[in-house]
Amino acid sequence: MPLVNAINCIEVPPGSEDKAIEVREIYINYFRKQPGFVSSTFYRASTQNDNINFINIVVWETQADYDTVVNKGYDNPDGLNEDGMKVLGKGFPAPIVVHPGVFEIIGN
């Protein structure tokens, strides 16, 4: 079964970079304790060509692991799961905007 790659494209306006890094670390520290977490790699754009200037790739063992950890809380209006964590798309403060997605590898 292929690994699940959650790729989060993040718009971080000037002046919010430190906050984006801080919030991402909170999530990754939480994810590391969850079943099925494999790894995370965080990227910052070396040149600014558009609004997406950070990318975080989080790898999970299975889709079920991803759904269990990342999606708990979407049915809650505040986006909070039972651990008090906001679902990732709602966890970064404005004006930071996260565009989460799950992708499969189709070529190397």
N, C-alpha and C. Protein backbone atom coordinates (compact mmCIF):
# COMPACT_ATOMS: atom_id res chain seq x y z
N MET A 1 0.85 -1.18 0.00
CA MET A 1 0.00 0.00 0.00
C MET A 1 0.89 1.24 0.00
N PRO A 2 0.62 2.21 -0.88
CA PRO A 2 1.48 3.40 -0.95
C PRO A 2 1.28 4.32 0.25
N LEU A 3 2.36 5.02 0.58
CA LEU A 3 2.28 6.02 1.64
C LEU A 3 1.39 7.17 1.20
N VAL A 4 0.85 7.89 2.16
CA VAL A 4 0.00 9.05 1.90
C VAL A 4 0.81 10.32 2.09
N ASN A 5 0.82 11.17 1.07
CA ASN A 5 1.58 12.42 1.10
C ASN A 5 0.62 13.60 1.22
N ALA A 6 0.60 14.20 2.38
CA ALA A 6 -0.20 15.41 2.59
C ALA A 6 0.70 16.60 2.29
N ILE A 7 0.34 17.36 1.26
CA ILE A 7 1.15 18.50 0.86
C ILE A 7 0.36 19.76 1.14
N ASN A 8 0.91 20.58 2.02
CA ASN A 8 0.24 21.81 2.43
C ASN A 8 1.00 23.00 1.87
N CYS A 9 0.35 23.70 0.95
CA CYS A 9 0.92 24.93 0.41
C CYS A 9 0.45 26.07 1.30
N ILE A 10 1.39 26.90 1.73
CA ILE A 10 1.08 27.89 2.76
C ILE A 10 1.46 29.28 2.28
N GLU A 11 0.49 30.19 2.34
CA GLU A 11 0.72 31.59 2.02
C GLU A 11 1.08 32.30 3.32
N VAL A 12 2.29 32.84 3.37
CA VAL A 12 2.75 33.52 4.58
C VAL A 12 3.19 34.93 4.21
N PRO A 13 2.39 35.93 4.57
CA PRO A 13 2.75 37.31 4.26
C PRO A 13 4.02 37.74 5.00
N PRO A 14 4.73 38.71 4.46
CA PRO A 14 5.91 39.23 5.16
C PRO A 14 5.57 39.62 6.60
N GLY A 15 6.44 39.26 7.51
CA GLY A 15 6.23 39.55 8.92
C GLY A 15 5.56 38.42 9.68
N SER A 16 5.05 37.41 8.97
CA SER A 16 4.38 36.29 9.63
C SER A 16 5.18 34.99 9.56
N GLU A 17 6.39 35.05 9.02
CA GLU A 17 7.20 33.85 8.84
C GLU A 17 7.47 33.13 10.15
N ASP A 18 7.88 33.85 11.17
CA ASP A 18 8.19 33.22 12.46
C ASP A 18 6.97 32.53 13.04
N LYS A 19 5.80 33.15 12.92
CA LYS A 19 4.57 32.56 13.43
C LYS A 19 4.24 31.27 12.67
N ALA A 20 4.41 31.28 11.34
CA ALA A 20 4.15 30.09 10.53
C ALA A 20 5.05 28.94 10.96
N ILE A 21 6.31 29.23 11.17
CA ILE A 21 7.27 28.20 11.59
C ILE A 21 6.90 27.66 12.97
N GLU A 22 6.53 28.56 13.88
CA GLU A 22 6.15 28.16 15.24
C GLU A 22 4.91 27.26 15.23
N VAL A 23 3.89 27.64 14.48
CA VAL A 23 2.65 26.85 14.44
C VAL A 23 2.90 25.50 13.79
N ARG A 24 3.69 25.48 12.72
CA ARG A 24 4.02 24.22 12.06
C ARG A 24 4.72 23.27 13.03
N GLU A 25 5.62 23.78 13.85
CA GLU A 25 6.33 22.94 14.82
C GLU A 25 5.35 22.34 15.85
N ILE A 26 4.37 23.12 16.26
CA ILE A 26 3.36 22.61 17.20
C ILE A 26 2.63 21.42 16.58
N TYR A 27 2.23 21.56 15.31
CA TYR A 27 1.53 20.47 14.63
C TYR A 27 2.42 19.25 14.45
N ILE A 28 3.64 19.45 14.01
CA ILE A 28 4.51 18.31 13.77
C ILE A 28 4.82 17.58 15.07
N ASN A 29 5.03 18.30 16.15
CA ASN A 29 5.25 17.65 17.44
C ASN A 29 4.03 16.83 17.85
N TYR A 30 2.83 17.32 17.55
CA TYR A 30 1.60 16.56 17.81
C TYR A 30 1.52 15.34 16.89
N PHE A 31 1.77 15.54 15.60
CA PHE A 31 1.68 14.44 14.64
C PHE A 31 2.68 13.32 14.95
N ARG A 32 3.86 13.68 15.40
CA ARG A 32 4.89 12.67 15.70
C ARG A 32 4.42 11.64 16.73
N LYS A 33 3.48 12.02 17.57
CA LYS A 33 2.97 11.13 18.61
C LYS A 33 1.79 10.30 18.14
N GLN A 34 1.35 10.49 16.89
CA GLN A 34 0.15 9.83 16.39
C GLN A 34 0.50 8.57 15.59
N PRO A 35 -0.38 7.58 15.63
CA PRO A 35 -0.15 6.36 14.86
C PRO A 35 -0.09 6.66 13.35
N GLY A 36 0.88 6.07 12.68
CA GLY A 36 0.96 6.19 11.23
C GLY A 36 1.80 7.35 10.72
N PHE A 37 2.26 8.23 11.61
CA PHE A 37 3.10 9.33 11.16
C PHE A 37 4.44 8.76 10.69
N VAL A 38 4.91 9.21 9.52
CA VAL A 38 6.18 8.75 8.98
C VAL A 38 7.22 9.86 9.03
N SER A 39 6.90 11.01 8.43
CA SER A 39 7.89 12.09 8.36
C SER A 39 7.23 13.40 7.97
N SER A 40 8.02 14.45 8.10
CA SER A 40 7.59 15.77 7.64
C SER A 40 8.81 16.52 7.13
N THR A 41 8.61 17.23 6.02
CA THR A 41 9.65 18.07 5.45
C THR A 41 9.03 19.44 5.19
N PHE A 42 9.73 20.47 5.64
CA PHE A 42 9.21 21.85 5.53
C PHE A 42 10.11 22.62 4.58
N TYR A 43 9.51 23.31 3.63
CA TYR A 43 10.24 24.06 2.61
C TYR A 43 9.85 25.54 2.67
N ARG A 44 10.84 26.39 2.40
CA ARG A 44 10.60 27.82 2.23
C ARG A 44 11.07 28.16 0.82
N ALA A 45 10.29 28.94 0.11
CA ALA A 45 10.67 29.34 -1.25
C ALA A 45 11.96 30.14 -1.22
N SER A 46 12.88 29.81 -2.11
CA SER A 46 14.14 30.55 -2.17
C SER A 46 13.99 31.83 -3.00
N THR A 47 12.96 31.88 -3.81
CA THR A 47 12.60 33.10 -4.54
C THR A 47 11.10 33.30 -4.42
N GLN A 48 10.67 34.52 -4.33
CA GLN A 48 9.25 34.80 -4.17
C GLN A 48 8.63 35.11 -5.54
N ASN A 49 7.89 34.12 -6.07
CA ASN A 49 7.25 34.30 -7.38
C ASN A 49 5.74 34.41 -7.29
N ASP A 50 5.16 33.94 -6.21
CA ASP A 50 3.71 34.02 -6.03
C ASP A 50 3.39 34.00 -4.55
N ASN A 51 2.14 33.71 -4.21
CA ASN A 51 1.72 33.76 -2.81
C ASN A 51 2.17 32.56 -1.99
N ILE A 52 2.42 31.41 -2.65
CA ILE A 52 2.82 30.22 -1.91
C ILE A 52 4.31 30.30 -1.63
N ASN A 53 4.67 30.50 -0.39
CA ASN A 53 6.09 30.64 -0.08
C ASN A 53 6.59 29.63 0.95
N PHE A 54 5.71 28.76 1.46
CA PHE A 54 6.11 27.65 2.31
C PHE A 54 5.34 26.41 1.85
N ILE A 55 5.98 25.26 1.92
CA ILE A 55 5.32 23.98 1.64
C ILE A 55 5.72 23.02 2.73
N ASN A 56 4.74 22.32 3.27
CA ASN A 56 5.00 21.30 4.28
C ASN A 56 4.47 19.98 3.74
N ILE A 57 5.32 18.98 3.67
CA ILE A 57 4.92 17.65 3.22
C ILE A 57 4.97 16.72 4.42
N VAL A 58 3.82 16.13 4.73
CA VAL A 58 3.72 15.21 5.85
C VAL A 58 3.32 13.85 5.28
N VAL A 59 4.09 12.83 5.61
CA VAL A 59 3.86 11.49 5.08
C VAL A 59 3.26 10.61 6.17
N TRP A 60 2.21 9.88 5.77
CA TRP A 60 1.50 8.96 6.67
C TRP A 60 1.56 7.56 6.09
N GLU A 61 1.49 6.55 6.97
CA GLU A 61 1.55 5.17 6.51
C GLU A 61 0.34 4.79 5.66
N THR A 62 -0.85 5.23 6.06
CA THR A 62 -2.07 4.86 5.32
C THR A 62 -3.03 6.05 5.27
N GLN A 63 -4.00 5.95 4.37
CA GLN A 63 -5.05 6.96 4.30
C GLN A 63 -5.86 6.97 5.59
N ALA A 64 -6.07 5.80 6.17
CA ALA A 64 -6.83 5.72 7.42
C ALA A 64 -6.10 6.45 8.55
N ASP A 65 -4.77 6.31 8.61
CA ASP A 65 -4.00 7.04 9.63
C ASP A 65 -4.17 8.54 9.44
N TYR A 66 -4.01 8.99 8.20
CA TYR A 66 -4.16 10.41 7.89
C TYR A 66 -5.55 10.90 8.30
N ASP A 67 -6.58 10.17 7.86
CA ASP A 67 -7.96 10.59 8.15
C ASP A 67 -8.22 10.64 9.65
N THR A 68 -7.73 9.65 10.37
CA THR A 68 -7.97 9.59 11.81
C THR A 68 -7.34 10.77 12.53
N VAL A 69 -6.12 11.13 12.16
CA VAL A 69 -5.40 12.18 12.87
C VAL A 69 -5.71 13.57 12.32
N VAL A 70 -5.62 13.73 11.03
CA VAL A 70 -5.69 15.06 10.44
C VAL A 70 -7.12 15.56 10.30
N ASN A 71 -8.05 14.67 10.01
CA ASN A 71 -9.41 15.12 9.75
C ASN A 71 -10.31 15.16 10.98
N LYS A 72 -9.85 14.63 12.14
CA LYS A 72 -10.72 14.73 13.31
C LYS A 72 -10.88 16.20 13.66
N GLY A 73 -12.12 16.60 13.80
CA GLY A 73 -12.38 17.99 14.13
C GLY A 73 -13.05 18.76 13.01
N TYR A 74 -13.03 18.24 11.77
CA TYR A 74 -13.68 18.98 10.69
C TYR A 74 -15.18 19.15 10.90
N ASP A 75 -15.80 18.20 11.61
CA ASP A 75 -17.24 18.32 11.85
C ASP A 75 -17.56 19.28 13.00
N ASN A 76 -16.56 19.72 13.72
CA ASN A 76 -16.73 20.68 14.81
C ASN A 76 -16.62 22.09 14.22
N PRO A 77 -17.58 22.98 14.50
CA PRO A 77 -17.53 24.33 13.92
C PRO A 77 -16.24 25.10 14.22
N ASP A 78 -15.61 24.80 15.36
CA ASP A 78 -14.35 25.46 15.70
C ASP A 78 -13.14 24.73 15.13
N GLY A 79 -13.37 23.56 14.52
CA GLY A 79 -12.28 22.79 13.95
C GLY A 79 -11.42 22.10 14.99
N LEU A 80 -11.91 21.95 16.21
CA LEU A 80 -11.12 21.33 17.28
C LEU A 80 -11.38 19.83 17.34
N ASN A 81 -10.30 19.05 17.50
CA ASN A 81 -10.48 17.62 17.74
C ASN A 81 -10.53 17.38 19.24
N GLU A 82 -10.66 16.11 19.63
CA GLU A 82 -10.79 15.82 21.07
C GLU A 82 -9.51 16.09 21.86
N ASP A 83 -8.40 16.29 21.16
CA ASP A 83 -7.14 16.64 21.83
C ASP A 83 -6.97 18.15 21.99
N GLY A 84 -7.95 18.92 21.50
CA GLY A 84 -7.85 20.37 21.59
C GLY A 84 -7.03 20.99 20.48
N MET A 85 -6.67 20.20 19.47
CA MET A 85 -5.92 20.72 18.31
C MET A 85 -6.90 21.08 17.21
N LYS A 86 -6.64 22.20 16.55
CA LYS A 86 -7.46 22.55 15.39
C LYS A 86 -7.00 21.74 14.19
N VAL A 87 -7.95 21.38 13.33
CA VAL A 87 -7.56 20.70 12.10
C VAL A 87 -6.62 21.62 11.35
N LEU A 88 -5.70 21.03 10.60
CA LEU A 88 -4.57 21.78 10.05
C LEU A 88 -5.00 22.98 9.21
N GLY A 89 -5.98 22.84 8.37
CA GLY A 89 -6.39 23.95 7.52
C GLY A 89 -6.93 25.14 8.29
N LYS A 90 -7.31 24.92 9.56
CA LYS A 90 -7.89 25.99 10.37
C LYS A 90 -6.97 26.42 11.51
N GLY A 91 -5.79 25.82 11.61
CA GLY A 91 -4.94 26.03 12.77
C GLY A 91 -3.96 27.17 12.67
N PHE A 92 -3.72 27.70 11.48
CA PHE A 92 -2.79 28.82 11.34
C PHE A 92 -3.56 30.13 11.46
N PRO A 93 -3.06 31.09 12.22
CA PRO A 93 -3.78 32.35 12.39
C PRO A 93 -3.70 33.22 11.13
N ALA A 94 -4.75 34.00 10.89
CA ALA A 94 -4.73 34.97 9.79
C ALA A 94 -3.61 35.95 10.06
N PRO A 95 -2.95 36.40 9.06
CA PRO A 95 -3.25 36.31 7.63
C PRO A 95 -2.60 35.12 6.93
N ILE A 96 -2.09 34.12 7.67
CA ILE A 96 -1.52 32.93 7.05
C ILE A 96 -2.66 32.08 6.51
N VAL A 97 -2.51 31.58 5.28
CA VAL A 97 -3.54 30.76 4.65
C VAL A 97 -2.91 29.44 4.22
N VAL A 98 -3.54 28.32 4.63
CA VAL A 98 -3.05 26.99 4.28
C VAL A 98 -3.97 26.38 3.24
N HIS A 99 -3.36 25.78 2.22
CA HIS A 99 -4.09 25.05 1.18
C HIS A 99 -3.68 23.59 1.30
N PRO A 100 -4.41 22.79 2.11
CA PRO A 100 -4.03 21.40 2.31
C PRO A 100 -4.49 20.52 1.15
N GLY A 101 -3.76 19.44 0.92
CA GLY A 101 -4.15 18.47 -0.09
C GLY A 101 -3.42 17.16 0.13
N VAL A 102 -4.01 16.08 -0.38
CA VAL A 102 -3.39 14.76 -0.31
C VAL A 102 -3.10 14.34 -1.74
N PHE A 103 -1.87 13.88 -1.97
CA PHE A 103 -1.43 13.56 -3.32
C PHE A 103 -0.83 12.16 -3.36
N GLU A 104 -0.92 11.55 -4.54
CA GLU A 104 -0.27 10.26 -4.74
C GLU A 104 0.87 10.46 -5.74
N ILE A 105 1.93 9.70 -5.56
CA ILE A 105 3.07 9.77 -6.46
C ILE A 105 2.71 9.02 -7.73
N ILE A 106 2.88 9.68 -8.88
CA ILE A 106 2.57 9.02 -10.15
C ILE A 106 3.80 8.90 -11.03
N GLY A 107 4.94 9.37 -10.57
CA GLY A 107 6.17 9.24 -11.33
C GLY A 107 7.35 9.74 -10.55
N ASN A 108 8.54 9.25 -10.89
CA ASN A 108 9.78 9.70 -10.26
C ASN A 108 10.73 10.19 -11.32
